[in-house]
Amino acid sequence: PHEMLETPVAKATFVKSSKIWKLY
C-alpha cells in the first residue's frame, strides 16, 4: 500500500494549427 500505481483515464491534445482539442 505504500506504492502508488498510475492508471491513465483520458488524454487531450491541443492542435494549434487547427485550434482543436483531440480526445484519446
PDB file of all heavy atoms in Angstrom:
ATOM      1  N   PRO A   1       0.790  -1.236   0.000  1.00  0.00           N
ATOM      2  CA  PRO A   1       0.000   0.000   0.000  1.00  0.00           C
ATOM      3  C   PRO A   1       0.825   1.290   0.000  1.00  0.00           C
ATOM      4  O   PRO A   1       0.291   2.368  -0.218  1.00  0.00           O
ATOM      5  CB  PRO A   1      -0.845  -0.098   1.260  1.00  0.00           C
ATOM      6  CG  PRO A   1      -0.435  -1.313   1.971  1.00  0.00           C
ATOM      7  CD  PRO A   1       0.528  -2.080   1.133  1.00  0.00           C
ATOM      8  N   HIS A   2       2.125   1.183   0.197  1.00  0.00           N
ATOM      9  CA  HIS A   2       2.976   2.385   0.170  1.00  0.00           C
ATOM     10  C   HIS A   2       3.374   2.751  -1.256  1.00  0.00           C
ATOM     11  O   HIS A   2       3.864   3.854  -1.488  1.00  0.00           O
ATOM     12  CB  HIS A   2       4.223   2.174   1.021  1.00  0.00           C
ATOM     13  CG  HIS A   2       3.900   1.894   2.466  1.00  0.00           C
ATOM     14  ND1 HIS A   2       3.274   2.814   3.269  1.00  0.00           N
ATOM     15  CD2 HIS A   2       4.085   0.793   3.221  1.00  0.00           C
ATOM     16  CE1 HIS A   2       3.089   2.298   4.463  1.00  0.00           C
ATOM     17  NE2 HIS A   2       3.575   1.068   4.465  1.00  0.00           N
ATOM     18  N   GLU A   3       3.153   1.836  -2.190  1.00  0.00           N
ATOM     19  CA  GLU A   3       3.473   2.095  -3.588  1.00  0.00           C
ATOM     20  C   GLU A   3       2.179   2.453  -4.336  1.00  0.00           C
ATOM     21  O   GLU A   3       1.192   1.734  -4.270  1.00  0.00           O
ATOM     22  CB  GLU A   3       4.116   0.875  -4.240  1.00  0.00           C
ATOM     23  CG  GLU A   3       4.566   1.121  -5.659  1.00  0.00           C
ATOM     24  CD  GLU A   3       5.210  -0.102  -6.292  1.00  0.00           C
ATOM     25  OE1 GLU A   3       5.617  -1.028  -5.576  1.00  0.00           O
ATOM     26  OE2 GLU A   3       5.279  -0.111  -7.530  1.00  0.00           O
ATOM     27  N   MET A   4       2.214   3.588  -5.041  1.00  0.00           N
ATOM     28  CA  MET A   4       1.045   4.040  -5.785  1.00  0.00           C
ATOM     29  C   MET A   4       1.215   3.709  -7.268  1.00  0.00           C
ATOM     30  O   MET A   4       2.282   3.925  -7.837  1.00  0.00           O
ATOM     31  CB  MET A   4       0.847   5.544  -5.612  1.00  0.00           C
ATOM     32  CG  MET A   4       0.609   5.973  -4.167  1.00  0.00           C
ATOM     33  SD  MET A   4      -0.889   5.290  -3.453  1.00  0.00           S
ATOM     34  CE  MET A   4      -2.106   6.418  -4.072  1.00  0.00           C
ATOM     35  N   LEU A   5       0.153   3.191  -7.871  1.00  0.00           N
ATOM     36  CA  LEU A   5       0.151   2.863  -9.300  1.00  0.00           C
ATOM     37  C   LEU A   5      -0.693   3.885 -10.057  1.00  0.00           C
ATOM     38  O   LEU A   5      -1.744   4.303  -9.575  1.00  0.00           O
ATOM     39  CB  LEU A   5      -0.421   1.466  -9.518  1.00  0.00           C
ATOM     40  CG  LEU A   5       0.292   0.320  -8.806  1.00  0.00           C
ATOM     41  CD1 LEU A   5      -0.472  -0.977  -8.995  1.00  0.00           C
ATOM     42  CD2 LEU A   5       1.709   0.187  -9.328  1.00  0.00           C
ATOM     43  N   GLU A   6      -0.235   4.282 -11.231  1.00  0.00           N
ATOM     44  CA  GLU A   6      -0.973   5.209 -12.082  1.00  0.00           C
ATOM     45  C   GLU A   6      -1.745   4.439 -13.139  1.00  0.00           C
ATOM     46  O   GLU A   6      -1.203   3.551 -13.781  1.00  0.00           O
ATOM     47  CB  GLU A   6      -0.014   6.160 -12.799  1.00  0.00           C
ATOM     48  CG  GLU A   6       0.518   7.249 -11.959  1.00  0.00           C
ATOM     49  CD  GLU A   6       1.317   8.270 -12.767  1.00  0.00           C
ATOM     50  OE1 GLU A   6       1.198   8.306 -14.018  1.00  0.00           O
ATOM     51  OE2 GLU A   6       2.067   9.016 -12.141  1.00  0.00           O
ATOM     52  N   THR A   7      -2.994   4.829 -13.330  1.00  0.00           N
ATOM     53  CA  THR A   7      -3.813   4.275 -14.388  1.00  0.00           C
ATOM     54  C   THR A   7      -4.341   5.440 -15.227  1.00  0.00           C
ATOM     55  O   THR A   7      -5.056   6.297 -14.705  1.00  0.00           O
ATOM     56  CB  THR A   7      -5.002   3.482 -13.811  1.00  0.00           C
ATOM     57  OG1 THR A   7      -4.506   2.468 -12.945  1.00  0.00           O
ATOM     58  CG2 THR A   7      -5.840   2.863 -14.912  1.00  0.00           C
ATOM     59  N   PRO A   8      -3.996   5.492 -16.505  1.00  0.00           N
ATOM     60  CA  PRO A   8      -4.474   6.581 -17.351  1.00  0.00           C
ATOM     61  C   PRO A   8      -5.995   6.546 -17.497  1.00  0.00           C
ATOM     62  O   PRO A   8      -6.592   5.479 -17.611  1.00  0.00           O
ATOM     63  CB  PRO A   8      -3.815   6.312 -18.705  1.00  0.00           C
ATOM     64  CG  PRO A   8      -2.752   5.311 -18.448  1.00  0.00           C
ATOM     65  CD  PRO A   8      -3.131   4.560 -17.220  1.00  0.00           C
ATOM     66  N   VAL A   9      -6.611   7.728 -17.498  1.00  0.00           N
ATOM     67  CA  VAL A   9      -8.053   7.850 -17.686  1.00  0.00           C
ATOM     68  C   VAL A   9      -8.347   8.455 -19.058  1.00  0.00           C
ATOM     69  O   VAL A   9      -9.080   7.881 -19.848  1.00  0.00           O
ATOM     70  CB  VAL A   9      -8.698   8.704 -16.574  1.00  0.00           C
ATOM     71  CG1 VAL A   9     -10.172   8.963 -16.861  1.00  0.00           C
ATOM     72  CG2 VAL A   9      -8.514   8.045 -15.217  1.00  0.00           C
ATOM     73  N   ALA A  10      -7.769   9.627 -19.322  1.00  0.00           N
ATOM     74  CA  ALA A  10      -8.034  10.325 -20.584  1.00  0.00           C
ATOM     75  C   ALA A  10      -6.879  11.246 -20.912  1.00  0.00           C
ATOM     76  O   ALA A  10      -6.135  11.668 -20.025  1.00  0.00           O
ATOM     77  CB  ALA A  10      -9.320  11.128 -20.483  1.00  0.00           C
ATOM     78  N   LYS A  11      -6.753  11.547 -22.199  1.00  0.00           N
ATOM     79  CA  LYS A  11      -5.728  12.475 -22.662  1.00  0.00           C
ATOM     80  C   LYS A  11      -6.343  13.348 -23.752  1.00  0.00           C
ATOM     81  O   LYS A  11      -7.106  12.857 -24.586  1.00  0.00           O
ATOM     82  CB  LYS A  11      -4.538  11.703 -23.231  1.00  0.00           C
ATOM     83  CG  LYS A  11      -3.433  12.573 -23.778  1.00  0.00           C
ATOM     84  CD  LYS A  11      -2.305  11.694 -24.301  1.00  0.00           C
ATOM     85  CE  LYS A  11      -1.210  12.507 -24.948  1.00  0.00           C
ATOM     86  NZ  LYS A  11      -0.112  11.653 -25.424  1.00  0.00           N
ATOM     87  N   ALA A  12      -6.019  14.633 -23.710  1.00  0.00           N
ATOM     88  CA  ALA A  12      -6.457  15.544 -24.765  1.00  0.00           C
ATOM     89  C   ALA A  12      -5.252  16.350 -25.222  1.00  0.00           C
ATOM     90  O   ALA A  12      -4.442  16.793 -24.411  1.00  0.00           O
ATOM     91  CB  ALA A  12      -7.556  16.467 -24.263  1.00  0.00           C
ATOM     92  N   THR A  13      -5.126  16.506 -26.522  1.00  0.00           N
ATOM     93  CA  THR A  13      -4.003  17.220 -27.123  1.00  0.00           C
ATOM     94  C   THR A  13      -4.535  18.387 -27.948  1.00  0.00           C
ATOM     95  O   THR A  13      -5.463  18.222 -28.737  1.00  0.00           O
ATOM     96  CB  THR A  13      -3.175  16.271 -28.013  1.00  0.00           C
ATOM     97  OG1 THR A  13      -2.668  15.217 -27.197  1.00  0.00           O
ATOM     98  CG2 THR A  13      -2.018  16.996 -28.666  1.00  0.00           C
ATOM     99  N   PHE A  14      -3.916  19.550 -27.742  1.00  0.00           N
ATOM    100  CA  PHE A  14      -4.304  20.742 -28.476  1.00  0.00           C
ATOM    101  C   PHE A  14      -3.477  20.842 -29.750  1.00  0.00           C
ATOM    102  O   PHE A  14      -2.250  20.794 -29.718  1.00  0.00           O
ATOM    103  CB  PHE A  14      -4.095  21.991 -27.618  1.00  0.00           C
ATOM    104  CG  PHE A  14      -4.614  23.244 -28.241  1.00  0.00           C
ATOM    105  CD1 PHE A  14      -5.973  23.401 -28.477  1.00  0.00           C
ATOM    106  CD2 PHE A  14      -3.755  24.269 -28.591  1.00  0.00           C
ATOM    107  CE1 PHE A  14      -6.466  24.572 -29.056  1.00  0.00           C
ATOM    108  CE2 PHE A  14      -4.238  25.435 -29.166  1.00  0.00           C
ATOM    109  CZ  PHE A  14      -5.594  25.589 -29.388  1.00  0.00           C
ATOM    110  N   VAL A  15      -4.164  20.959 -30.885  1.00  0.00           N
ATOM    111  CA  VAL A  15      -3.511  21.110 -32.184  1.00  0.00           C
ATOM    112  C   VAL A  15      -3.612  22.591 -32.546  1.00  0.00           C
ATOM    113  O   VAL A  15      -4.677  23.073 -32.926  1.00  0.00           O
ATOM    114  CB  VAL A  15      -4.181  20.228 -33.255  1.00  0.00           C
ATOM    115  CG1 VAL A  15      -3.461  20.371 -34.590  1.00  0.00           C
ATOM    116  CG2 VAL A  15      -4.223  18.775 -32.808  1.00  0.00           C
ATOM    117  N   LYS A  16      -2.497  23.303 -32.374  1.00  0.00           N
ATOM    118  CA  LYS A  16      -2.525  24.757 -32.566  1.00  0.00           C
ATOM    119  C   LYS A  16      -2.892  25.169 -33.980  1.00  0.00           C
ATOM    120  O   LYS A  16      -3.618  26.143 -34.176  1.00  0.00           O
ATOM    121  CB  LYS A  16      -1.167  25.359 -32.200  1.00  0.00           C
ATOM    122  CG  LYS A  16      -0.982  25.568 -30.735  1.00  0.00           C
ATOM    123  CD  LYS A  16       0.221  26.431 -30.456  1.00  0.00           C
ATOM    124  CE  LYS A  16       0.235  26.781 -28.989  1.00  0.00           C
ATOM    125  NZ  LYS A  16       1.159  27.838 -28.674  1.00  0.00           N
ATOM    126  N   SER A  17      -2.418  24.445 -34.980  1.00  0.00           N
ATOM    127  CA  SER A  17      -2.662  24.835 -36.374  1.00  0.00           C
ATOM    128  C   SER A  17      -4.152  24.881 -36.718  1.00  0.00           C
ATOM    129  O   SER A  17      -4.599  25.719 -37.487  1.00  0.00           O
ATOM    130  CB  SER A  17      -1.929  23.901 -37.329  1.00  0.00           C
ATOM    131  OG  SER A  17      -2.376  22.579 -37.149  1.00  0.00           O
ATOM    132  N   SER A  18      -4.934  23.975 -36.135  1.00  0.00           N
ATOM    133  CA  SER A  18      -6.374  23.956 -36.399  1.00  0.00           C
ATOM    134  C   SER A  18      -7.198  24.420 -35.201  1.00  0.00           C
ATOM    135  O   SER A  18      -8.425  24.461 -35.265  1.00  0.00           O
ATOM    136  CB  SER A  18      -6.816  22.565 -36.840  1.00  0.00           C
ATOM    137  OG  SER A  18      -6.387  21.605 -35.918  1.00  0.00           O
ATOM    138  N   LYS A  19      -6.518  24.734 -34.095  1.00  0.00           N
ATOM    139  CA  LYS A  19      -7.169  25.219 -32.868  1.00  0.00           C
ATOM    140  C   LYS A  19      -8.260  24.269 -32.376  1.00  0.00           C
ATOM    141  O   LYS A  19      -9.374  24.674 -32.059  1.00  0.00           O
ATOM    142  CB  LYS A  19      -7.710  26.623 -33.066  1.00  0.00           C
ATOM    143  CG  LYS A  19      -6.624  27.633 -33.332  1.00  0.00           C
ATOM    144  CD  LYS A  19      -7.176  29.028 -33.440  1.00  0.00           C
ATOM    145  CE  LYS A  19      -6.011  29.973 -33.690  1.00  0.00           C
ATOM    146  NZ  LYS A  19      -6.414  31.327 -33.951  1.00  0.00           N
ATOM    147  N   ILE A  20      -7.924  22.992 -32.336  1.00  0.00           N
ATOM    148  CA  ILE A  20      -8.866  21.992 -31.830  1.00  0.00           C
ATOM    149  C   ILE A  20      -8.186  21.121 -30.776  1.00  0.00           C
ATOM    150  O   ILE A  20      -6.966  20.985 -30.748  1.00  0.00           O
ATOM    151  CB  ILE A  20      -9.422  21.075 -32.944  1.00  0.00           C
ATOM    152  CG1 ILE A  20      -8.296  20.315 -33.637  1.00  0.00           C
ATOM    153  CG2 ILE A  20     -10.282  21.841 -33.915  1.00  0.00           C
ATOM    154  CD1 ILE A  20      -8.779  19.156 -34.463  1.00  0.00           C
ATOM    155  N   TRP A  21      -9.017  20.540 -29.919  1.00  0.00           N
ATOM    156  CA  TRP A  21      -8.578  19.546 -28.944  1.00  0.00           C
ATOM    157  C   TRP A  21      -8.942  18.178 -29.490  1.00  0.00           C
ATOM    158  O   TRP A  21     -10.067  17.972 -29.944  1.00  0.00           O
ATOM    159  CB  TRP A  21      -9.293  19.766 -27.610  1.00  0.00           C
ATOM    160  CG  TRP A  21      -8.785  20.920 -26.834  1.00  0.00           C
ATOM    161  CD1 TRP A  21      -9.278  22.195 -26.830  1.00  0.00           C
ATOM    162  CD2 TRP A  21      -7.673  20.916 -25.950  1.00  0.00           C
ATOM    163  NE1 TRP A  21      -8.538  22.973 -25.995  1.00  0.00           N
ATOM    164  CE2 TRP A  21      -7.543  22.211 -25.444  1.00  0.00           C
ATOM    165  CE3 TRP A  21      -6.756  19.944 -25.547  1.00  0.00           C
ATOM    166  CZ2 TRP A  21      -6.551  22.565 -24.539  1.00  0.00           C
ATOM    167  CZ3 TRP A  21      -5.769  20.296 -24.651  1.00  0.00           C
ATOM    168  CH2 TRP A  21      -5.664  21.585 -24.150  1.00  0.00           C
ATOM    169  N   LYS A  22      -7.997  17.242 -29.440  1.00  0.00           N
ATOM    170  CA  LYS A  22      -8.268  15.851 -29.814  1.00  0.00           C
ATOM    171  C   LYS A  22      -8.296  15.020 -28.535  1.00  0.00           C
ATOM    172  O   LYS A  22      -7.412  15.147 -27.694  1.00  0.00           O
ATOM    173  CB  LYS A  22      -7.198  15.334 -30.768  1.00  0.00           C
ATOM    174  CG  LYS A  22      -7.271  15.988 -32.122  1.00  0.00           C
ATOM    175  CD  LYS A  22      -6.415  15.283 -33.130  1.00  0.00           C
ATOM    176  CE  LYS A  22      -6.672  15.861 -34.501  1.00  0.00           C
ATOM    177  NZ  LYS A  22      -6.149  15.015 -35.552  1.00  0.00           N
ATOM    178  N   LEU A  23      -9.279  14.153 -28.435  1.00  0.00           N
ATOM    179  CA  LEU A  23      -9.505  13.355 -27.234  1.00  0.00           C
ATOM    180  C   LEU A  23      -9.081  11.906 -27.457  1.00  0.00           C
ATOM    181  O   LEU A  23      -9.395  11.319 -28.500  1.00  0.00           O
ATOM    182  CB  LEU A  23     -10.980  13.426 -26.841  1.00  0.00           C
ATOM    183  CG  LEU A  23     -11.408  12.691 -25.584  1.00  0.00           C
ATOM    184  CD1 LEU A  23     -10.625  13.148 -24.355  1.00  0.00           C
ATOM    185  CD2 LEU A  23     -12.911  12.883 -25.361  1.00  0.00           C
ATOM    186  N   TYR A  24      -8.394  11.332 -26.457  1.00  0.00           N
ATOM    187  CA  TYR A  24      -7.875   9.965 -26.544  1.00  0.00           C
ATOM    188  C   TYR A  24      -8.220   9.172 -25.288  1.00  0.00           C
ATOM    189  O   TYR A  24      -8.391   9.733 -24.210  1.00  0.00           O
ATOM    190  CB  TYR A  24      -6.345   9.986 -26.694  1.00  0.00           C
ATOM    191  CG  TYR A  24      -5.860  10.735 -27.898  1.00  0.00           C
ATOM    192  CD1 TYR A  24      -5.538  12.079 -27.812  1.00  0.00           C
ATOM    193  CD2 TYR A  24      -5.737  10.109 -29.134  1.00  0.00           C
ATOM    194  CE1 TYR A  24      -5.098  12.786 -28.920  1.00  0.00           C
ATOM    195  CE2 TYR A  24      -5.302  10.802 -30.247  1.00  0.00           C
ATOM    196  CZ  TYR A  24      -4.976  12.136 -30.131  1.00  0.00           C
ATOM    197  OH  TYR A  24      -4.549  12.837 -31.232  1.00  0.00           O
TER     198      TYR A  24
END
